[in-house]
Amino acid sequence: MALIALAADKGSPGVTTAAVALAAVWPRRVLLAETDPAGGDLVYRSAAAHGGPLNPNTGMLSIAATARRGLVPDQLWDHVQPLSGGLEVLVGLGIAEQAAGLAGLWPTLGHAFASLADSPNAAADVIADCGRISGDTPAVELFPHASLVLLLSRTEPESLARVRDRAAALAGRLHGGPRGAASLANPVIGVVLIADTGTAGKLASQVNDMLVHAQTGARVVGTIADDPAGADQLAGRRRGRLDKSLLIRSARKVAADINQQYGAAWAASAQANQAPQAPHAQQNHHAPQTHHAQPAQHVPHQHPGQTQGHAGAGT
């Protein structure tokens, strides 16, 4: 299991929507972390499991004090809130100014997120919504600890040019220089296109050729449907069978493809890194519960009108 970081170069391609959709259909236990230094959205649009609002003070804001004293991966669960659909979320900052409280702590968080996969009590993948990034964005300090960095892009020419250049810049920062293929270095840099389903396949092939030709070290790992109606359902703003939406169906395919290609290697790495559990280790309330065995339940198709912890298409 692994840390998967999602980000975009500029604009609003739908990073939060994609992160929530992928987490909702992820085949293993997953923690969705809002790590955008500019602030998160879910606290304003989401319902907690108890039916009330999420607590804005429990999440990235509360973890700052803990992390300054050192952070054991299982401590992450002390700052997590479950959404009404069952998805476990580390709520983001309220405003950008609060990011100052995390100064110097991003590598610590990245290590904890990545190491959560090795927890003997409550192992989980982490999907981190890093929002929009640039060269000086502190969330980039999470990336060296990730197994996969996914750059999201729409398909306008300027968006594709930006994602190509951002992928090349990240390859230089993370890998020490350009690469001909993403498999040559870790973390893998992938591109997810937000595209119309009718043209997604052809576009993905063309963009992949562009990324390879430019020696960015990145490759297209999948496409997520440009589905405003599905995004509204995910955000609880519209009724409908969310599990049948193009958004969720395409996210499920991307999640399956990622896990098919990389899952075995991640699992082997986690098993190799996992220390033997001490005899006195407690099986506390962080241990996985029965309802986590069916990740598909995160998709709230049983109650399509609920506002279940999801951001809209523009973030």
Foldseek 3Di string as FASTA:
>chain_A
DWEEEEEAADFFQFLQQLLLLLQLQFQAQEEEEAAALQFFDLQVQFAFLVRHGDDQCQAPNVCLVVPVVPDALLCNQVRWTAWNLGHIYRHIHHGNVSCVSCVPPLLRVLQSQGLLCQDPQARHHYYYRHYHDDPPGSNVSSQLSGLEYEYEFEDDPVRLVSVLVVLQVNCCVNVVGFALALVVDPSRYEYEYAEAPVCFVVSQVVSQVVSNVSSSSYHHQFYAYPFQQLLCLLQLNDFDQNCPGSRSVRSNVSSVSCCVVCVVVSVVVSVVPHDDDDPPDDNDPSGDDPVSNRSNSSRPRVCSNDRTRGDGRRD
